[in-house]
Protein backbone atom coordinates (compact mmCIF):
# COMPACT_ATOMS: atom_id res chain seq x y z
CA ASN A 1 -111.18 150.55 -72.81
CA ASN A 2 -108.39 152.67 -71.25
CA LEU A 3 -109.49 151.94 -67.80
CA LYS A 4 -106.94 152.95 -64.94
CA LEU A 5 -107.46 150.34 -62.09
CA SER A 6 -106.37 151.17 -58.67
CA GLN A 7 -102.75 150.17 -57.85
CA TYR A 8 -103.83 148.14 -54.95
CA ARG A 9 -106.51 145.32 -54.66
CA ILE A 10 -109.04 146.53 -52.19
CA MET A 11 -109.67 143.89 -49.16
CA LYS A 12 -113.40 142.99 -49.82
CA LYS A 13 -115.73 140.96 -48.40
CA ILE A 14 -118.52 139.57 -50.72
CA VAL A 15 -121.99 139.66 -48.86
CA GLU A 16 -124.51 136.99 -49.01
CA CYS A 17 -127.75 137.32 -50.87
CA TRP A 18 -131.32 135.73 -50.31
CA PHE A 19 -131.25 134.63 -53.44
CA ASP A 20 -127.68 133.05 -54.03
CA ASP A 21 -129.08 129.59 -53.92
CA ARG A 22 -131.04 130.31 -57.13
CA LYS A 23 -129.73 128.76 -60.27
CA THR A 24 -126.89 130.42 -62.41
CA VAL A 25 -128.22 131.50 -65.78
CA LYS A 26 -125.04 133.03 -66.79
CA ILE A 27 -121.56 133.82 -65.67
CA ILE A 28 -119.98 137.57 -66.37
CA LYS A 29 -116.52 138.37 -66.27
CA ASN A 30 -114.63 141.70 -65.89
CA ARG A 31 -117.36 143.90 -66.69
CA VAL A 32 -117.62 147.62 -66.00
CA GLY A 33 -120.28 149.18 -63.84
CA ILE A 34 -121.66 152.19 -62.20
CA ILE A 35 -123.27 152.66 -59.04
CA LYS A 36 -126.46 154.51 -59.09
CA ASP A 37 -129.82 154.39 -57.30
CA GLY A 38 -128.96 151.19 -55.46
CA SER A 39 -128.35 148.97 -58.75
CA ILE A 40 -124.76 148.46 -60.92
CA LEU A 41 -125.39 150.06 -64.38
CA THR A 42 -123.40 148.50 -66.90
CA GLU A 43 -121.68 150.51 -69.73
CA ASP A 44 -123.75 147.98 -72.13
CA ASN A 45 -126.77 148.75 -74.49
CA PRO A 46 -129.70 150.11 -71.91
CA THR A 47 -131.86 147.70 -73.80
CA ASN A 48 -130.02 144.79 -72.59
CA PHE A 49 -131.42 142.77 -69.93
CA GLU A 50 -128.03 142.81 -67.95
CA SER A 51 -128.21 146.64 -67.94
CA ARG A 52 -129.15 147.15 -64.22
CA LEU A 53 -128.23 144.65 -61.74
CA SER A 54 -128.51 143.85 -58.24
CA LEU A 55 -126.18 145.32 -55.49
CA CYS A 56 -127.21 143.00 -52.68
CA SER A 57 -123.82 141.27 -52.49
CA LEU A 58 -121.51 144.50 -52.72
CA PRO A 59 -120.48 145.39 -49.47
CA GLU A 60 -122.25 148.70 -48.25
CA GLN A 61 -119.00 150.82 -48.16
CA PHE A 62 -118.73 150.36 -51.77
CA ARG A 63 -122.34 151.30 -52.53
CA LYS A 64 -121.83 155.02 -53.43
CA ASP A 65 -123.19 156.44 -56.49
CA GLY A 66 -120.86 157.24 -59.11
CA LEU A 67 -118.44 154.55 -58.28
CA LYS A 68 -117.07 152.96 -60.92
CA ILE A 69 -116.13 149.18 -60.47
CA ILE A 70 -115.07 146.16 -62.61
CA PHE A 71 -116.85 143.00 -61.36
CA SER A 72 -117.48 139.33 -62.09
CA GLY A 73 -120.31 137.45 -60.79
CA GLU A 74 -123.33 134.99 -61.58
CA ILE A 75 -126.80 136.07 -63.03
CA LYS A 76 -129.36 134.63 -61.10
CA GLU A 77 -132.69 132.94 -62.28
CA ILE A 78 -135.61 135.29 -62.33
CA TYR A 79 -138.91 132.78 -61.69
CA PRO A 80 -141.74 133.52 -64.49
CA ASN A 81 -144.09 134.90 -61.87
CA GLU A 82 -141.76 137.78 -60.50
CA ARG A 83 -140.96 141.14 -61.79
CA TRP A 84 -137.31 142.67 -60.53
CA ALA A 85 -136.36 146.48 -60.79
CA ALA A 86 -132.66 145.08 -61.21
CA THR A 87 -131.67 141.69 -62.59
CA PRO A 88 -130.21 139.58 -59.66
CA LEU A 89 -126.41 139.24 -59.48
CA LYS A 90 -124.00 137.17 -56.98
CA ILE A 91 -120.82 139.24 -57.58
CA THR A 92 -117.88 136.91 -57.08
CA ASP A 93 -115.26 139.63 -57.66
CA PHE A 94 -114.86 143.42 -57.88
CA GLU A 95 -112.13 145.95 -58.12
CA VAL A 96 -112.87 149.85 -57.76
CA VAL A 97 -111.64 151.67 -60.99
CA GLU A 98 -109.85 155.08 -60.39
């Protein structure tokens, strides 16, 4: 991908989520995502369980539909008796793409 990152690093504060203490099932690094309808959509295959991720830890000012980011984070456990609209993600770092 020929993504052009912002020439500056945006000062950001990762927000804590109520599910942060859950077991981490996978670590993801430098994934491209687009904010849409309260989730991060990745550019992976839409049938991938990680294609729609929770925005919980993304600061409010970055939750704008159409905003493209590169992010890293921890995919958190979903208990067997739960159904989620988006996979729980604790963002550990992100950068806005121009």
